[in-house]
Amino acid sequence: MVTRRASHAGSWYTDDTSALRADLARWLQDAASASASAVPNASNLVALIVPHAGYSYSGPTAAFAYGAIRPEAVKRVIILGPSHHVHTTKCMLTRAQTLDTPLGKLQCDAEFVAGLHAQHAGLFEYMDAETDEDEHSIEMQLPYLAQVFGGVHTVKVVEIMVGSLSFEQEQQYGRVLAPYIADGSTLFVISSDFCHWGRRFRYVRYEAEHGEIWQSIEKLDHEGIACIRSLDHAQFHAYLGKTKNTICGRHPIGVFLGALEASAVHSRTRFELAQYAQSSRARAQSDSSVSYVAAHFITPE
């Protein structure tokens, strides 16, 4: 049985089981206490947007997304994560049967993955183990899933690493995934950080009329969030073309919006922003920051 190692444990997050469990539990409790918009135990949850930076930066924000899950309502989790290290113009699948975390192993939905690969010839490719384990955007979601489901509720995980896709490709992959949005037991986790601002990211867009740099970044991100809230794939794509905002999960978001538009529940779905945060408040051109969003896509009961 092939197991994906928790290759970022001990660096991006602690590999100490007790400490990790305590961190996640505390952040989930803090999120539940902070705002009713965390939508605890939402049985009609179809997708989350969740950040994927190191837990010391984005872990508390991620809790605002994960706190909405009602574990007994979910049988499959499809994680859509961007590729940071390998250039591909396709979507890639794991060959692993289990996914290791410091909190225990998660089971892959190997049958579902094999079906995607076989039924959609040429659309999906398999990752080798090195590519899979180098990528953090999907791994950073796994400890939270292990914490929320706790080994009590059976859930299977599907890893899909999303490459640099065109708008048309996002729609194409979206049509493939659309039937699972409304199946009542599948949850999509869209892994994305938002604006990466600073010279080291080669992105220093600043509109002084909005205040300090961090306020300009916030305005920029919220324009993008408004496009996502509209559930209009083309509008989000146009926003990215206009602003060049460095949203690293823009293609996973695009695939999901394409899937939602092709689904039976598009017109009945609503988007809720649960939390927005920045790693730091940039005030000078020498500063840098990364933005984090936790959000939910919800359909009527």
Protein backbone atom coordinates (compact mmCIF):
# COMPACT_ATOMS: atom_id res chain seq x y z
CA MET A 1 0.00 0.00 0.00
CA VAL A 2 1.44 3.36 -1.08
CA THR A 3 1.40 6.03 1.62
CA ARG A 4 2.05 9.72 1.05
CA ARG A 5 4.45 10.89 3.74
CA ALA A 6 3.68 13.94 5.85
CA SER A 7 6.73 15.60 4.34
CA HIS A 8 6.07 19.09 5.75
CA ALA A 9 5.49 17.95 9.33
CA GLY A 10 8.20 19.35 11.56
CA SER A 11 8.65 22.44 9.40
CA TRP A 12 5.39 23.93 8.15
CA TYR A 13 3.59 22.56 11.20
CA THR A 14 4.61 20.64 14.28
CA ASP A 15 5.16 16.89 14.03
CA ASP A 16 4.36 16.49 17.72
CA THR A 17 0.96 14.76 17.82
CA SER A 18 -0.18 16.19 21.14
CA ALA A 19 0.95 19.72 20.33
CA LEU A 20 -0.64 19.63 16.86
CA ARG A 21 -3.93 18.30 18.18
CA ALA A 22 -3.96 21.01 20.86
CA ASP A 23 -3.20 23.77 18.33
CA LEU A 24 -5.95 22.69 15.96
CA ALA A 25 -8.49 22.24 18.76
CA ARG A 26 -7.69 25.69 20.15
CA TRP A 27 -8.00 27.40 16.78
CA LEU A 28 -11.28 25.65 16.03
CA GLN A 29 -12.65 26.69 19.41
CA ASP A 30 -11.44 30.27 18.95
CA ALA A 31 -13.09 30.45 15.52
CA ALA A 32 -16.37 29.08 16.86
CA SER A 33 -16.31 31.63 19.69
CA ALA A 34 -15.32 34.58 17.52
CA SER A 35 -18.10 34.73 14.99
CA ALA A 36 -21.44 33.22 14.11
CA SER A 37 -20.33 33.36 10.46
CA ALA A 38 -18.18 30.29 11.13
CA VAL A 39 -21.42 28.38 10.35
CA PRO A 40 -20.78 25.49 12.75
CA ASN A 41 -22.08 22.06 11.77
CA ALA A 42 -23.47 23.11 8.40
CA SER A 43 -25.01 20.03 6.80
CA ASN A 44 -25.48 21.82 3.47
CA LEU A 45 -21.82 22.74 3.03
CA VAL A 46 -20.49 21.95 -0.47
CA ALA A 47 -17.07 23.64 -0.46
CA LEU A 48 -14.49 25.53 1.56
CA ILE A 49 -11.76 27.97 0.62
CA VAL A 50 -8.85 27.43 2.99
CA PRO A 51 -5.32 28.91 3.17
CA HIS A 52 -2.24 26.71 3.06
CA ALA A 53 0.63 28.67 4.59
CA GLY A 54 2.52 27.40 7.62
CA TYR A 55 0.16 26.93 10.53
CA SER A 56 1.81 29.67 12.60
CA TYR A 57 0.63 32.08 9.88
CA SER A 58 -2.64 30.70 8.52
CA GLY A 59 -3.72 27.98 10.95
CA PRO A 60 -6.11 30.24 12.92
CA THR A 61 -7.75 31.48 9.71
CA ALA A 62 -8.16 27.94 8.35
CA ALA A 63 -10.15 27.04 11.46
CA PHE A 64 -12.92 29.42 10.37
CA ALA A 65 -13.40 27.23 7.32
CA TYR A 66 -13.03 23.82 8.93
CA GLY A 67 -15.28 24.69 11.87
CA ALA A 68 -18.28 24.54 9.53
CA ILE A 69 -17.95 20.84 8.74
CA ARG A 70 -20.48 18.39 10.11
CA PRO A 71 -18.39 15.21 9.82
CA GLU A 72 -21.25 12.73 9.66
CA ALA A 73 -22.58 14.46 6.52
CA VAL A 74 -19.37 13.99 4.49
CA LYS A 75 -18.13 10.75 2.92
CA ARG A 76 -15.63 12.14 0.40
CA VAL A 77 -13.37 15.23 0.41
CA ILE A 78 -11.96 16.46 -2.90
CA ILE A 79 -8.99 18.76 -2.35
CA LEU A 80 -8.14 21.13 -5.20
CA GLY A 81 -4.65 22.53 -4.64
CA PRO A 82 -2.33 24.58 -6.86
CA SER A 83 1.07 23.39 -8.02
CA HIS A 84 3.94 25.45 -6.60
CA HIS A 85 6.91 23.40 -7.83
CA VAL A 86 5.98 21.57 -11.04
CA HIS A 87 4.68 23.26 -14.17
CA THR A 88 1.78 21.41 -15.72
CA THR A 89 -1.17 22.40 -17.86
CA LYS A 90 -3.29 19.53 -16.55
CA CYS A 91 -4.68 18.27 -13.26
CA MET A 92 -2.67 15.59 -11.47
CA LEU A 93 -3.74 12.78 -9.16
CA THR A 94 -1.99 10.96 -6.34
CA ARG A 95 -1.05 7.30 -6.60
CA ALA A 96 -1.19 6.95 -2.80
CA GLN A 97 -3.79 4.81 -1.05
CA THR A 98 -3.24 6.47 2.34
CA LEU A 99 -2.14 9.93 3.44
CA ASP A 100 -0.02 10.18 6.56
CA THR A 101 -0.44 12.92 9.18
CA PRO A 102 0.86 13.22 12.74
CA LEU A 103 -2.75 12.59 13.81
CA GLY A 104 -3.05 9.31 11.92
CA LYS A 105 -3.63 8.18 8.36
CA LEU A 106 -6.40 9.30 6.03
CA GLN A 107 -7.75 6.97 3.37
CA CYS A 108 -7.64 7.96 -0.29
CA ASP A 109 -10.61 7.28 -2.52
CA ALA A 110 -8.46 5.20 -4.86
CA GLU A 111 -11.44 3.88 -6.81
CA PHE A 112 -12.71 7.39 -7.51
CA VAL A 113 -9.22 8.53 -8.56
CA ALA A 114 -8.79 5.57 -10.89
CA GLY A 115 -12.18 6.35 -12.42
CA LEU A 116 -11.25 9.96 -13.13
CA HIS A 117 -8.05 8.85 -14.80
CA ALA A 118 -9.68 6.10 -16.87
CA GLN A 119 -12.90 7.82 -17.88
CA HIS A 120 -11.42 11.17 -18.94
CA ALA A 121 -8.58 10.16 -21.21
CA GLY A 122 -5.75 12.66 -21.29
CA LEU A 123 -7.29 15.09 -18.80
CA PHE A 124 -5.75 13.69 -15.63
CA GLU A 125 -2.19 12.52 -15.05
CA TYR A 126 -0.66 10.78 -12.05
CA MET A 127 1.96 12.47 -9.87
CA ASP A 128 5.07 10.62 -8.87
CA ALA A 129 5.72 10.42 -5.12
CA GLU A 130 8.32 13.19 -5.13
CA THR A 131 5.99 15.64 -6.87
CA ASP A 132 3.17 14.71 -4.51
CA GLU A 133 5.23 15.09 -1.34
CA ASP A 134 6.95 18.31 -2.44
CA GLU A 135 3.61 20.10 -2.79
CA HIS A 136 2.35 21.73 0.41
CA SER A 137 -0.98 23.15 -0.79
CA ILE A 138 -2.76 19.83 -0.35
CA GLU A 139 -0.79 18.49 2.62
CA MET A 140 -1.62 21.54 4.75
CA GLN A 141 -5.29 20.51 4.63
CA LEU A 142 -4.72 16.95 5.84
CA PRO A 143 -4.08 17.47 9.58
CA TYR A 144 -7.21 19.62 9.82
CA LEU A 145 -9.22 16.87 8.13
CA ALA A 146 -7.75 14.28 10.48
CA GLN A 147 -8.66 16.51 13.44
CA VAL A 148 -12.22 17.26 12.32
CA PHE A 149 -13.10 13.70 11.36
CA GLY A 150 -11.13 12.31 14.28
CA GLY A 151 -11.03 8.72 13.11
CA VAL A 152 -14.68 8.41 14.20
CA HIS A 153 -16.37 9.29 10.91
CA THR A 154 -15.29 7.48 7.76
CA VAL A 155 -14.11 9.83 5.03
CA LYS A 156 -12.08 9.28 1.89
CA VAL A 157 -9.83 11.92 0.36
CA VAL A 158 -9.15 12.77 -3.28
CA GLU A 159 -6.04 14.84 -4.07
CA ILE A 160 -6.19 16.89 -7.27
CA MET A 161 -3.21 19.13 -7.97
CA VAL A 162 -4.37 21.80 -10.40
CA GLY A 163 -1.91 23.11 -12.96
CA SER A 164 -1.76 26.38 -14.91
CA LEU A 165 -5.02 26.11 -16.79
CA SER A 166 -6.73 28.33 -19.30
CA PHE A 167 -10.24 29.59 -18.64
CA GLU A 168 -11.56 26.97 -21.06
CA GLN A 169 -9.64 24.20 -19.30
CA GLU A 170 -11.00 25.31 -15.93
CA GLN A 171 -14.49 24.98 -17.39
CA GLN A 172 -13.66 21.58 -18.86
CA TYR A 173 -12.39 20.18 -15.55
CA GLY A 174 -15.31 21.86 -13.83
CA ARG A 175 -17.79 19.95 -15.98
CA VAL A 176 -16.11 16.69 -14.99
CA LEU A 177 -16.42 17.50 -11.28
CA ALA A 178 -19.85 19.18 -11.38
CA PRO A 179 -21.94 16.06 -10.59
CA TYR A 180 -20.21 15.63 -7.23
CA ILE A 181 -21.18 19.08 -5.96
CA ALA A 182 -24.80 18.05 -5.53
CA ASP A 183 -24.35 14.41 -4.51
CA GLY A 184 -24.96 15.21 -0.84
CA SER A 185 -21.85 13.60 0.59
CA THR A 186 -18.86 15.21 -1.16
CA LEU A 187 -17.07 18.27 0.20
CA PHE A 188 -14.65 20.29 -1.94
CA VAL A 189 -11.69 21.92 -0.20
CA ILE A 190 -10.16 24.66 -2.35
CA SER A 191 -6.64 25.35 -1.13
CA SER A 192 -5.55 28.94 -1.77
CA ASP A 193 -3.74 31.85 -0.24
CA PHE A 194 -4.68 35.28 -1.57
CA CYS A 195 -2.51 38.30 -2.40
CA HIS A 196 1.25 37.70 -2.13
CA TRP A 197 2.50 41.29 -1.90
CA GLY A 198 6.09 42.52 -1.96
CA ARG A 199 9.20 42.65 -4.08
CA ARG A 200 10.05 39.05 -3.32
CA PHE A 201 6.72 38.09 -4.93
CA ARG A 202 7.26 40.58 -7.79
CA TYR A 203 3.91 42.17 -7.01
CA VAL A 204 3.74 45.67 -5.51
CA ARG A 205 0.43 47.03 -6.78
CA TYR A 206 -0.59 49.93 -4.54
CA GLU A 207 -3.53 52.31 -4.83
CA ALA A 208 -2.87 55.15 -2.38
CA GLU A 209 -6.49 56.32 -2.36
CA HIS A 210 -7.33 53.28 -0.25
CA GLY A 211 -4.93 54.21 2.55
CA GLU A 212 -1.79 52.39 3.60
CA ILE A 213 -0.38 49.52 1.56
CA TRP A 214 -2.08 46.85 3.67
CA GLN A 215 -5.41 48.61 3.20
CA SER A 216 -4.89 48.70 -0.57
CA ILE A 217 -4.14 44.96 -0.49
CA GLU A 218 -7.29 44.33 1.54
CA LYS A 219 -9.37 46.31 -0.96
CA LEU A 220 -7.82 44.35 -3.82
CA ASP A 221 -8.52 41.00 -2.16
CA HIS A 222 -12.08 41.93 -1.32
CA GLU A 223 -12.73 42.84 -4.95
CA GLY A 224 -11.67 39.29 -5.81
CA ILE A 225 -13.79 37.85 -3.02
CA ALA A 226 -16.79 39.76 -4.39
CA CYS A 227 -16.22 38.12 -7.78
CA ILE A 228 -16.16 34.71 -6.13
CA ARG A 229 -19.31 35.60 -4.20
CA SER A 230 -21.03 36.32 -7.52
CA LEU A 231 -20.40 32.64 -8.43
CA ASP A 232 -19.49 33.92 -11.91
CA HIS A 233 -16.44 32.16 -13.30
CA ALA A 234 -15.94 34.68 -16.11
CA GLN A 235 -16.12 37.61 -13.70
CA PHE A 236 -13.41 36.11 -11.48
CA HIS A 237 -11.25 35.38 -14.54
CA ALA A 238 -11.65 38.97 -15.74
CA TYR A 239 -10.69 40.30 -12.30
CA LEU A 240 -7.47 38.29 -12.37
CA GLY A 241 -6.67 39.56 -15.85
CA LYS A 242 -7.21 43.16 -14.77
CA THR A 243 -5.41 43.15 -11.42
CA LYS A 244 -2.90 40.27 -11.80
CA ASN A 245 -3.57 39.57 -8.11
CA THR A 246 -1.20 36.84 -6.98
CA ILE A 247 -3.86 34.44 -5.69
CA CYS A 248 -1.93 31.19 -5.83
CA GLY A 249 -5.08 29.03 -5.87
CA ARG A 250 -6.71 30.98 -8.69
CA HIS A 251 -6.89 27.89 -10.91
CA PRO A 252 -8.44 25.63 -8.22
CA ILE A 253 -10.95 28.42 -7.53
CA GLY A 254 -11.62 28.68 -11.27
CA VAL A 255 -12.15 24.93 -11.60
CA PHE A 256 -14.62 24.95 -8.73
CA LEU A 257 -16.52 27.97 -10.10
CA GLY A 258 -16.66 26.20 -13.46
CA ALA A 259 -17.96 23.08 -11.74
CA LEU A 260 -20.54 25.06 -9.81
CA GLU A 261 -21.83 26.78 -12.95
CA ALA A 262 -22.26 23.35 -14.58
CA SER A 263 -23.99 21.87 -11.54
CA ALA A 264 -27.65 21.58 -10.64
CA VAL A 265 -27.26 23.77 -7.54
CA HIS A 266 -25.52 26.84 -9.00
CA SER A 267 -28.49 29.17 -8.70
CA ARG A 268 -29.20 28.02 -5.13
CA THR A 269 -25.65 28.25 -3.77
CA ARG A 270 -24.45 31.11 -1.62
CA PHE A 271 -20.93 32.16 -0.67
CA GLU A 272 -20.05 33.24 2.87
CA LEU A 273 -16.75 34.83 3.88
CA ALA A 274 -15.85 33.56 7.34
CA GLN A 275 -12.48 35.23 7.91
CA TYR A 276 -9.89 37.43 6.19
CA ALA A 277 -6.39 38.00 7.51
CA GLN A 278 -2.92 39.11 6.44
CA SER A 279 0.40 37.70 7.61
CA SER A 280 1.52 41.27 8.38
CA ARG A 281 0.41 44.81 7.65
CA ALA A 282 2.62 46.15 4.88
CA ARG A 283 3.36 49.85 5.19
CA ALA A 284 6.56 50.27 3.19
CA GLN A 285 7.79 49.09 -0.20
CA SER A 286 10.34 46.93 1.59
CA ASP A 287 7.58 45.02 3.44
CA SER A 288 5.79 41.88 2.29
CA SER A 289 2.63 40.04 3.23
CA VAL A 290 0.38 37.15 2.26
CA SER A 291 -3.40 37.25 2.64
CA TYR A 292 -5.56 34.39 3.95
CA VAL A 293 -9.24 33.68 3.36
CA ALA A 294 -11.62 31.19 4.96
CA ALA A 295 -14.94 30.85 3.20
CA HIS A 296 -17.88 28.52 2.63
CA PHE A 297 -20.12 27.62 -0.30
CA ILE A 298 -23.51 26.53 1.02
CA THR A 299 -26.68 25.23 -0.61
CA PRO A 300 -30.20 25.27 0.88
CA GLU A 301 -31.12 22.35 3.13
